[in-house]
Amino acid sequence: MAAMDVSVASGAARVASMPVGERVNYALYQQVGTGTPVRVAGRFSSPGVLTTTDGGAISVDMGSELDAPDAASFVEVVGTKAAGDQLAAAGLFQLPSGQVDEELWNEAVKLATLPQLREMFAPAGGVAPPAAGGA
């Protein structure tokens, strides 16, 4: 398997200081509580609005330190769920444009939440309890 270039647009120090967040799509994001650290992937359809791999839209508060990449870039936003559909971003990981199968990414996120497979995908330190209802 070939390596893929990934860049941290900004916020690396803040991301490193956070607990490891669970990867979620829009449906799973709706189920986690406010203040929960998460990782959400997708593309910015407009400034401050992330369209997730399952087609949802999350408002992302980039703060003053982060800049949103262009719409062609696939990113994983690391941050904390705020009220409603708000995500307070700590950092961004940007993957090369055009090289990500969003449907496959979304299916992997859903599989990682299944009770039978959860342990295989959890980081060594563990993650927050699963979202209610699974994928």
Protein backbone atom coordinates (compact mmCIF):
# COMPACT_ATOMS: atom_id res chain seq x y z
CA MET A 1 0.00 0.00 0.00
CA ALA A 2 1.43 3.36 -0.99
CA ALA A 3 1.79 6.10 1.58
CA MET A 4 -0.52 9.11 1.25
CA ASP A 5 0.64 12.64 1.92
CA VAL A 6 -1.30 14.21 4.75
CA SER A 7 -0.72 17.72 5.96
CA VAL A 8 -1.78 19.43 9.14
CA ALA A 9 -3.05 22.79 7.97
CA SER A 10 -2.74 24.25 11.43
CA GLY A 11 -3.57 23.52 15.02
CA ALA A 12 -1.16 20.62 15.53
CA ALA A 13 -0.26 21.66 19.08
CA ARG A 14 -3.93 21.98 20.08
CA VAL A 15 -4.79 18.61 18.52
CA ALA A 16 -1.90 16.95 20.36
CA SER A 17 -3.16 18.28 23.70
CA MET A 18 -6.71 16.93 23.20
CA PRO A 19 -7.98 13.47 24.13
CA VAL A 20 -8.29 11.18 21.13
CA GLY A 21 -11.69 11.76 19.57
CA GLU A 22 -13.80 9.13 17.90
CA ARG A 23 -14.29 9.36 14.15
CA VAL A 24 -17.89 10.20 13.38
CA ASN A 25 -20.06 11.03 10.39
CA TYR A 26 -23.01 13.42 10.56
CA ALA A 27 -25.48 10.81 11.86
CA LEU A 28 -23.12 9.78 14.67
CA TYR A 29 -22.22 13.42 15.37
CA GLN A 30 -25.88 14.10 16.16
CA GLN A 31 -25.76 11.42 18.86
CA VAL A 32 -22.68 12.53 20.81
CA GLY A 33 -22.93 14.96 23.70
CA THR A 34 -21.77 18.55 23.79
CA GLY A 35 -18.10 18.76 24.77
CA THR A 36 -17.20 15.39 23.23
CA PRO A 37 -13.92 15.32 21.26
CA VAL A 38 -14.55 14.10 17.70
CA ARG A 39 -12.93 13.72 14.28
CA VAL A 40 -15.21 14.49 11.33
CA ALA A 41 -14.19 14.07 7.69
CA GLY A 42 -15.51 15.74 4.58
CA ARG A 43 -15.12 18.80 2.38
CA PHE A 44 -15.87 22.45 3.07
CA SER A 45 -18.83 23.27 0.82
CA SER A 46 -18.62 26.92 1.90
CA PRO A 47 -16.49 28.77 4.43
CA GLY A 48 -17.19 27.34 7.88
CA VAL A 49 -19.54 24.57 6.65
CA LEU A 50 -18.22 21.00 6.46
CA THR A 51 -20.16 18.56 4.28
CA THR A 52 -19.55 15.18 5.90
CA THR A 53 -18.99 11.83 4.22
CA ASP A 54 -22.65 10.90 4.75
CA GLY A 55 -23.94 14.19 3.31
CA GLY A 56 -24.68 16.17 6.48
CA ALA A 57 -23.55 19.74 7.08
CA ILE A 58 -21.79 20.88 10.24
CA SER A 59 -20.95 24.49 11.07
CA VAL A 60 -17.28 24.62 12.02
CA ASP A 61 -15.89 27.35 14.24
CA MET A 62 -12.35 27.67 12.91
CA GLY A 63 -11.32 30.31 15.43
CA SER A 64 -8.67 32.82 14.44
CA GLU A 65 -5.85 30.29 14.05
CA LEU A 66 -7.29 27.98 11.37
CA ASP A 67 -7.98 28.60 7.71
CA ALA A 68 -10.43 26.44 5.78
CA PRO A 69 -8.92 24.70 2.76
CA ASP A 70 -10.55 24.94 -0.66
CA ALA A 71 -13.64 22.87 -1.45
CA ALA A 72 -11.65 20.31 -3.45
CA SER A 73 -9.65 19.26 -0.38
CA PHE A 74 -10.76 16.34 1.74
CA VAL A 75 -10.11 17.08 5.41
CA GLU A 76 -10.56 15.57 8.81
CA VAL A 77 -11.51 18.22 11.35
CA VAL A 78 -10.47 17.47 14.91
CA GLY A 79 -12.37 19.32 17.58
CA THR A 80 -15.08 19.35 20.19
CA LYS A 81 -18.82 19.22 19.64
CA ALA A 82 -20.45 22.48 20.63
CA ALA A 83 -24.19 23.20 20.89
CA GLY A 84 -26.39 22.02 18.02
CA ASP A 85 -24.58 21.40 14.75
CA GLN A 86 -21.52 23.39 15.79
CA LEU A 87 -17.99 21.98 15.91
CA ALA A 88 -15.21 23.91 17.64
CA ALA A 89 -12.17 22.97 15.54
CA ALA A 90 -8.78 22.44 17.14
CA GLY A 91 -7.03 21.43 13.92
CA LEU A 92 -7.34 20.10 10.39
CA PHE A 93 -5.71 17.21 8.61
CA GLN A 94 -5.80 17.76 4.86
CA LEU A 95 -5.54 14.84 2.43
CA PRO A 96 -4.63 15.29 -1.24
CA SER A 97 -7.63 16.27 -3.35
CA GLY A 98 -9.29 13.57 -5.41
CA GLN A 99 -7.64 10.64 -3.63
CA VAL A 100 -10.25 9.77 -1.01
CA ASP A 101 -13.18 7.40 -1.50
CA GLU A 102 -15.73 9.18 0.70
CA GLU A 103 -18.22 6.31 0.61
CA LEU A 104 -15.56 3.86 1.77
CA TRP A 105 -14.45 6.30 4.52
CA ASN A 106 -18.05 6.61 5.70
CA GLU A 107 -18.54 2.84 5.79
CA ALA A 108 -15.32 2.45 7.81
CA VAL A 109 -16.58 5.03 10.32
CA LYS A 110 -19.86 3.14 10.69
CA LEU A 111 -18.09 -0.22 11.05
CA ALA A 112 -15.82 1.19 13.78
CA THR A 113 -18.88 1.86 15.95
CA LEU A 114 -20.25 -1.67 15.80
CA PRO A 115 -19.91 -3.37 19.19
CA GLN A 116 -18.31 -6.44 17.58
CA LEU A 117 -15.53 -4.36 15.95
CA ARG A 118 -15.21 -1.38 18.27
CA GLU A 119 -12.18 -2.70 20.13
CA MET A 120 -10.26 -3.14 16.85
CA PHE A 121 -10.65 0.55 15.99
CA ALA A 122 -10.26 2.12 19.44
CA PRO A 123 -6.97 3.90 20.19
CA ALA A 124 -4.75 2.34 22.85
CA GLY A 125 -6.04 4.78 25.46
CA GLY A 126 -9.66 4.08 24.54
CA VAL A 127 -12.36 6.46 23.41
CA ALA A 128 -15.54 7.85 24.87
CA PRO A 129 -18.48 5.43 25.18
CA PRO A 130 -20.18 4.62 21.87
CA ALA A 131 -22.85 6.91 20.50
CA ALA A 132 -26.36 5.76 21.32
CA GLY A 133 -27.84 3.50 18.67
CA GLY A 134 -24.59 2.73 16.78
CA ALA A 135 -24.34 3.38 13.07
